[in-house]
């Protein structure tokens, strides 16, 4: 089964066992549909917890009340653990939108076919995501904007990019 990490528990929230979560979600639209989450230090050791209640807490956090976590001590024991969902439980995204999980590992090539490496990680900047493309010791930061990301083909495993001035390998900007 494929899993996707949706957040990390950062602290207990109140006395009744709620936990506050740093969200990795782009929006809160998935939260109302959460019935179960898997919590653990990694995907392989995560344990299922039924969700009793979930609430958005600003743009980058949400809180959860989990079945079996009934006081602050039990909630504190979950601090630092990751929250996972089965990939199949996620909604289908609109065209030209992708889950980070789908992009990591894709091969990046320029419009003229020059290989640049693979997407190793992604991070948000507020205005757009940035794809970290690595090959060997070389790293290129690719802003996820239409001028740079020309096409994504999940099935073929490729991302075609147009390197803007200053982005070419060997440039001092890298």
C-alpha atoms as a PDB file:
ATOM      1  CA  UNK A   1       0.000   0.000   0.000  1.00  0.00           C
ATOM      2  CA  UNK A   2       1.201   3.538  -0.803  1.00  0.00           C
ATOM      3  CA  UNK A   3       1.141   6.131   1.957  1.00  0.00           C
ATOM      4  CA  UNK A   4       1.300   9.907   2.029  1.00  0.00           C
ATOM      5  CA  UNK A   5       2.493  11.956   4.991  1.00  0.00           C
ATOM      6  CA  UNK A   6       0.043  14.770   5.755  1.00  0.00           C
ATOM      7  CA  UNK A   7       1.597  16.312   8.858  1.00  0.00           C
ATOM      8  CA  UNK A   8       3.515  16.036  12.106  1.00  0.00           C
ATOM      9  CA  UNK A   9       2.153  16.268  15.648  1.00  0.00           C
ATOM     10  CA  UNK A  10       3.833  19.221  17.335  1.00  0.00           C
ATOM     11  CA  UNK A  11       2.125  19.329  20.748  1.00  0.00           C
ATOM     12  CA  UNK A  12      -0.870  18.462  22.856  1.00  0.00           C
ATOM     13  CA  UNK A  13      -3.754  20.919  22.555  1.00  0.00           C
ATOM     14  CA  UNK A  14      -5.845  21.351  25.694  1.00  0.00           C
ATOM     15  CA  UNK A  15      -6.517  18.856  28.483  1.00  0.00           C
ATOM     16  CA  UNK A  16      -8.805  16.384  26.698  1.00  0.00           C
ATOM     17  CA  UNK A  17      -6.180  14.710  24.503  1.00  0.00           C
ATOM     18  CA  UNK A  18      -6.338  16.843  21.358  1.00  0.00           C
ATOM     19  CA  UNK A  19      -3.134  17.143  19.339  1.00  0.00           C
ATOM     20  CA  UNK A  20      -1.968  20.074  17.234  1.00  0.00           C
ATOM     21  CA  UNK A  21      -0.550  19.131  13.829  1.00  0.00           C
ATOM     22  CA  UNK A  22       1.811  20.969  11.504  1.00  0.00           C
ATOM     23  CA  UNK A  23      -0.018  20.415   8.215  1.00  0.00           C
ATOM     24  CA  UNK A  24       1.707  19.395   4.983  1.00  0.00           C
ATOM     25  CA  UNK A  25      -1.587  19.774   3.102  1.00  0.00           C
ATOM     26  CA  UNK A  26      -2.045  22.478   0.470  1.00  0.00           C
ATOM     27  CA  UNK A  27      -5.575  23.197   1.752  1.00  0.00           C
ATOM     28  CA  UNK A  28      -7.959  22.093   4.491  1.00  0.00           C
ATOM     29  CA  UNK A  29     -10.370  20.498   2.012  1.00  0.00           C
ATOM     30  CA  UNK A  30      -9.304  16.946   2.963  1.00  0.00           C
ATOM     31  CA  UNK A  31      -9.838  17.437   6.707  1.00  0.00           C
ATOM     32  CA  UNK A  32     -13.636  16.921   6.911  1.00  0.00           C
ATOM     33  CA  UNK A  33     -13.313  13.492   5.255  1.00  0.00           C
ATOM     34  CA  UNK A  34     -10.727  12.118   7.722  1.00  0.00           C
ATOM     35  CA  UNK A  35     -12.089   8.997   9.397  1.00  0.00           C
ATOM     36  CA  UNK A  36      -8.816   7.269  10.310  1.00  0.00           C
ATOM     37  CA  UNK A  37      -5.182   8.372  10.391  1.00  0.00           C
ATOM     38  CA  UNK A  38      -2.004   6.355  10.875  1.00  0.00           C
ATOM     39  CA  UNK A  39       0.520   7.794  13.337  1.00  0.00           C
ATOM     40  CA  UNK A  40       4.130   6.784  13.907  1.00  0.00           C
ATOM     41  CA  UNK A  41       7.767   7.695  13.406  1.00  0.00           C
ATOM     42  CA  UNK A  42       7.577   6.218   9.882  1.00  0.00           C
ATOM     43  CA  UNK A  43       5.095   4.527   7.569  1.00  0.00           C
ATOM     44  CA  UNK A  44       6.102   0.996   8.487  1.00  0.00           C
ATOM     45  CA  UNK A  45       5.469   1.372  12.222  1.00  0.00           C
ATOM     46  CA  UNK A  46       2.438   3.690  12.086  1.00  0.00           C
ATOM     47  CA  UNK A  47      -0.647   2.689  14.100  1.00  0.00           C
ATOM     48  CA  UNK A  48      -4.254   3.398  13.067  1.00  0.00           C
ATOM     49  CA  UNK A  49      -6.270   5.907  15.096  1.00  0.00           C
ATOM     50  CA  UNK A  50      -9.947   6.636  14.404  1.00  0.00           C
ATOM     51  CA  UNK A  51     -10.576  10.393  14.156  1.00  0.00           C
ATOM     52  CA  UNK A  52     -13.315  11.716  16.462  1.00  0.00           C
ATOM     53  CA  UNK A  53     -12.963  15.360  15.462  1.00  0.00           C
ATOM     54  CA  UNK A  54     -10.738  17.507  13.279  1.00  0.00           C
ATOM     55  CA  UNK A  55     -10.517  21.289  13.071  1.00  0.00           C
ATOM     56  CA  UNK A  56      -8.417  23.688  10.989  1.00  0.00           C
ATOM     57  CA  UNK A  57      -6.143  25.878  13.131  1.00  0.00           C
ATOM     58  CA  UNK A  58      -4.938  28.626  10.799  1.00  0.00           C
ATOM     59  CA  UNK A  59      -3.315  28.091   7.405  1.00  0.00           C
ATOM     60  CA  UNK A  60      -0.620  25.604   8.363  1.00  0.00           C
ATOM     61  CA  UNK A  61      -2.054  23.661  11.319  1.00  0.00           C
ATOM     62  CA  UNK A  62      -5.012  21.535  12.323  1.00  0.00           C
ATOM     63  CA  UNK A  63      -6.034  19.796  15.517  1.00  0.00           C
ATOM     64  CA  UNK A  64      -7.257  16.242  15.986  1.00  0.00           C
ATOM     65  CA  UNK A  65      -9.215  14.435  18.661  1.00  0.00           C
ATOM     66  CA  UNK A  66      -8.331  10.761  18.323  1.00  0.00           C
ATOM     67  CA  UNK A  67     -10.141   7.746  19.708  1.00  0.00           C
ATOM     68  CA  UNK A  68      -8.162   6.315  22.629  1.00  0.00           C
ATOM     69  CA  UNK A  69      -6.233   9.542  23.292  1.00  0.00           C
ATOM     70  CA  UNK A  70      -8.199  10.999  26.172  1.00  0.00           C
ATOM     71  CA  UNK A  71      -5.834  13.198  28.166  1.00  0.00           C
ATOM     72  CA  UNK A  72      -2.885  15.540  27.828  1.00  0.00           C
ATOM     73  CA  UNK A  73      -0.329  12.841  28.781  1.00  0.00           C
ATOM     74  CA  UNK A  74      -1.535  10.500  26.028  1.00  0.00           C
ATOM     75  CA  UNK A  75      -1.453  13.398  23.528  1.00  0.00           C
ATOM     76  CA  UNK A  76       2.053  14.418  24.647  1.00  0.00           C
ATOM     77  CA  UNK A  77       3.254  10.860  23.944  1.00  0.00           C
ATOM     78  CA  UNK A  78       2.453  11.428  20.243  1.00  0.00           C
ATOM     79  CA  UNK A  79       4.557  14.618  19.939  1.00  0.00           C
ATOM     80  CA  UNK A  80       6.993  14.493  17.020  1.00  0.00           C
ATOM     81  CA  UNK A  81       5.246  11.594  15.260  1.00  0.00           C
ATOM     82  CA  UNK A  82       4.095  11.789  11.644  1.00  0.00           C
ATOM     83  CA  UNK A  83       0.554  11.372  10.357  1.00  0.00           C
ATOM     84  CA  UNK A  84      -0.049   9.217   7.286  1.00  0.00           C
ATOM     85  CA  UNK A  85      -2.997   8.370   5.044  1.00  0.00           C
ATOM     86  CA  UNK A  86      -3.371   5.628   2.454  1.00  0.00           C
ATOM     87  CA  UNK A  87      -2.739   7.237  -0.923  1.00  0.00           C
ATOM     88  CA  UNK A  88      -5.947   5.705  -2.283  1.00  0.00           C
ATOM     89  CA  UNK A  89      -8.013   7.731   0.205  1.00  0.00           C
ATOM     90  CA  UNK A  90      -6.926  11.031  -1.347  1.00  0.00           C
ATOM     91  CA  UNK A  91      -9.153  12.921  -3.743  1.00  0.00           C
ATOM     92  CA  UNK A  92      -8.295  13.047  -7.424  1.00  0.00           C
ATOM     93  CA  UNK A  93      -6.659  16.388  -8.140  1.00  0.00           C
ATOM     94  CA  UNK A  94      -7.572  18.715 -10.998  1.00  0.00           C
ATOM     95  CA  UNK A  95      -5.508  18.535 -14.178  1.00  0.00           C
ATOM     96  CA  UNK A  96      -1.957  19.918 -13.764  1.00  0.00           C
ATOM     97  CA  UNK A  97      -2.005  19.516  -9.962  1.00  0.00           C
ATOM     98  CA  UNK A  98      -0.002  16.756  -8.281  1.00  0.00           C
ATOM     99  CA  UNK A  99       0.694  15.364  -4.850  1.00  0.00           C
ATOM    100  CA  UNK A 100       4.320  15.853  -3.833  1.00  0.00           C
ATOM    101  CA  UNK A 101       4.519  12.087  -3.377  1.00  0.00           C
ATOM    102  CA  UNK A 102       3.876  11.687  -7.131  1.00  0.00           C
ATOM    103  CA  UNK A 103       6.609  14.141  -8.140  1.00  0.00           C
ATOM    104  CA  UNK A 104       9.478  12.974  -5.923  1.00  0.00           C
ATOM    105  CA  UNK A 105      11.726  10.648  -7.899  1.00  0.00           C
ATOM    106  CA  UNK A 106      10.687  11.877 -11.344  1.00  0.00           C
ATOM    107  CA  UNK A 107      13.444  12.472 -13.888  1.00  0.00           C
ATOM    108  CA  UNK A 108      13.933  16.102 -14.913  1.00  0.00           C
ATOM    109  CA  UNK A 109      14.936  16.967 -18.482  1.00  0.00           C
ATOM    110  CA  UNK A 110      15.192  20.234 -20.361  1.00  0.00           C
ATOM    111  CA  UNK A 111      13.007  20.998 -23.359  1.00  0.00           C
ATOM    112  CA  UNK A 112      15.866  19.912 -25.619  1.00  0.00           C
ATOM    113  CA  UNK A 113      16.179  16.567 -23.783  1.00  0.00           C
ATOM    114  CA  UNK A 114      19.221  17.262 -21.577  1.00  0.00           C
ATOM    115  CA  UNK A 115      18.915  15.238 -18.323  1.00  0.00           C
ATOM    116  CA  UNK A 116      19.258  17.287 -15.126  1.00  0.00           C
ATOM    117  CA  UNK A 117      18.642  14.662 -12.435  1.00  0.00           C
ATOM    118  CA  UNK A 118      15.701  13.664 -10.274  1.00  0.00           C
ATOM    119  CA  UNK A 119      13.345  15.527  -7.982  1.00  0.00           C
ATOM    120  CA  UNK A 120      14.644  14.660  -4.533  1.00  0.00           C
ATOM    121  CA  UNK A 121      12.415  16.881  -2.411  1.00  0.00           C
ATOM    122  CA  UNK A 122       9.959  19.751  -2.572  1.00  0.00           C
ATOM    123  CA  UNK A 123       9.448  22.706  -0.290  1.00  0.00           C
ATOM    124  CA  UNK A 124       6.828  25.466  -0.181  1.00  0.00           C
ATOM    125  CA  UNK A 125       7.829  29.131  -0.330  1.00  0.00           C
ATOM    126  CA  UNK A 126       4.434  30.746   0.059  1.00  0.00           C
ATOM    127  CA  UNK A 127       4.053  31.895  -3.531  1.00  0.00           C
ATOM    128  CA  UNK A 128       4.993  28.565  -5.155  1.00  0.00           C
ATOM    129  CA  UNK A 129       6.654  25.251  -4.413  1.00  0.00           C
ATOM    130  CA  UNK A 130      10.299  24.648  -5.280  1.00  0.00           C
ATOM    131  CA  UNK A 131      11.493  21.302  -6.652  1.00  0.00           C
ATOM    132  CA  UNK A 132      14.963  20.231  -5.538  1.00  0.00           C
ATOM    133  CA  UNK A 133      16.549  18.431  -8.503  1.00  0.00           C
ATOM    134  CA  UNK A 134      19.779  16.532  -7.831  1.00  0.00           C
ATOM    135  CA  UNK A 135      22.237  14.536  -9.861  1.00  0.00           C
ATOM    136  CA  UNK A 136      25.505  13.496  -8.284  1.00  0.00           C
ATOM    137  CA  UNK A 137      26.753  16.471  -6.290  1.00  0.00           C
ATOM    138  CA  UNK A 138      24.810  19.008  -8.370  1.00  0.00           C
ATOM    139  CA  UNK A 139      21.581  20.575  -7.126  1.00  0.00           C
ATOM    140  CA  UNK A 140      19.185  22.781  -9.072  1.00  0.00           C
ATOM    141  CA  UNK A 141      16.256  24.558  -7.440  1.00  0.00           C
ATOM    142  CA  UNK A 142      13.297  24.696  -9.812  1.00  0.00           C
ATOM    143  CA  UNK A 143      10.404  27.032  -8.968  1.00  0.00           C
ATOM    144  CA  UNK A 144       7.090  25.314  -9.708  1.00  0.00           C
ATOM    145  CA  UNK A 145       5.863  28.014 -12.069  1.00  0.00           C
ATOM    146  CA  UNK A 146       4.572  27.673 -15.626  1.00  0.00           C
ATOM    147  CA  UNK A 147       7.604  29.423 -17.121  1.00  0.00           C
ATOM    148  CA  UNK A 148       9.900  26.711 -15.691  1.00  0.00           C
ATOM    149  CA  UNK A 149       7.799  23.532 -15.376  1.00  0.00           C
ATOM    150  CA  UNK A 150       6.692  22.938 -18.941  1.00  0.00           C
ATOM    151  CA  UNK A 151       5.095  19.501 -18.525  1.00  0.00           C
ATOM    152  CA  UNK A 152       4.746  16.656 -16.050  1.00  0.00           C
ATOM    153  CA  UNK A 153       4.157  13.064 -17.141  1.00  0.00           C
ATOM    154  CA  UNK A 154       3.664  10.896 -14.065  1.00  0.00           C
ATOM    155  CA  UNK A 155       3.308   7.688 -16.116  1.00  0.00           C
ATOM    156  CA  UNK A 156       6.507   8.315 -18.071  1.00  0.00           C
ATOM    157  CA  UNK A 157       8.251   9.504 -14.917  1.00  0.00           C
ATOM    158  CA  UNK A 158       9.449  12.795 -16.388  1.00  0.00           C
ATOM    159  CA  UNK A 159       9.260  16.524 -15.833  1.00  0.00           C
ATOM    160  CA  UNK A 160      10.214  18.785 -18.732  1.00  0.00           C
ATOM    161  CA  UNK A 161      11.625  22.156 -17.711  1.00  0.00           C
ATOM    162  CA  UNK A 162      12.761  25.389 -19.302  1.00  0.00           C
ATOM    163  CA  UNK A 163      15.762  26.786 -17.464  1.00  0.00           C
ATOM    164  CA  UNK A 164      15.537  30.523 -17.019  1.00  0.00           C
ATOM    165  CA  UNK A 165      18.584  32.776 -17.179  1.00  0.00           C
ATOM    166  CA  UNK A 166      20.839  32.002 -14.228  1.00  0.00           C
ATOM    167  CA  UNK A 167      19.483  28.481 -13.711  1.00  0.00           C
ATOM    168  CA  UNK A 168      21.750  26.589 -16.107  1.00  0.00           C
ATOM    169  CA  UNK A 169      24.108  24.065 -14.479  1.00  0.00           C
ATOM    170  CA  UNK A 170      27.444  25.711 -13.868  1.00  0.00           C
ATOM    171  CA  UNK A 171      25.924  29.183 -13.382  1.00  0.00           C
ATOM    172  CA  UNK A 172      27.004  30.998 -10.255  1.00  0.00           C
ATOM    173  CA  UNK A 173      23.322  31.252  -9.241  1.00  0.00           C
ATOM    174  CA  UNK A 174      23.277  27.548  -8.476  1.00  0.00           C
END
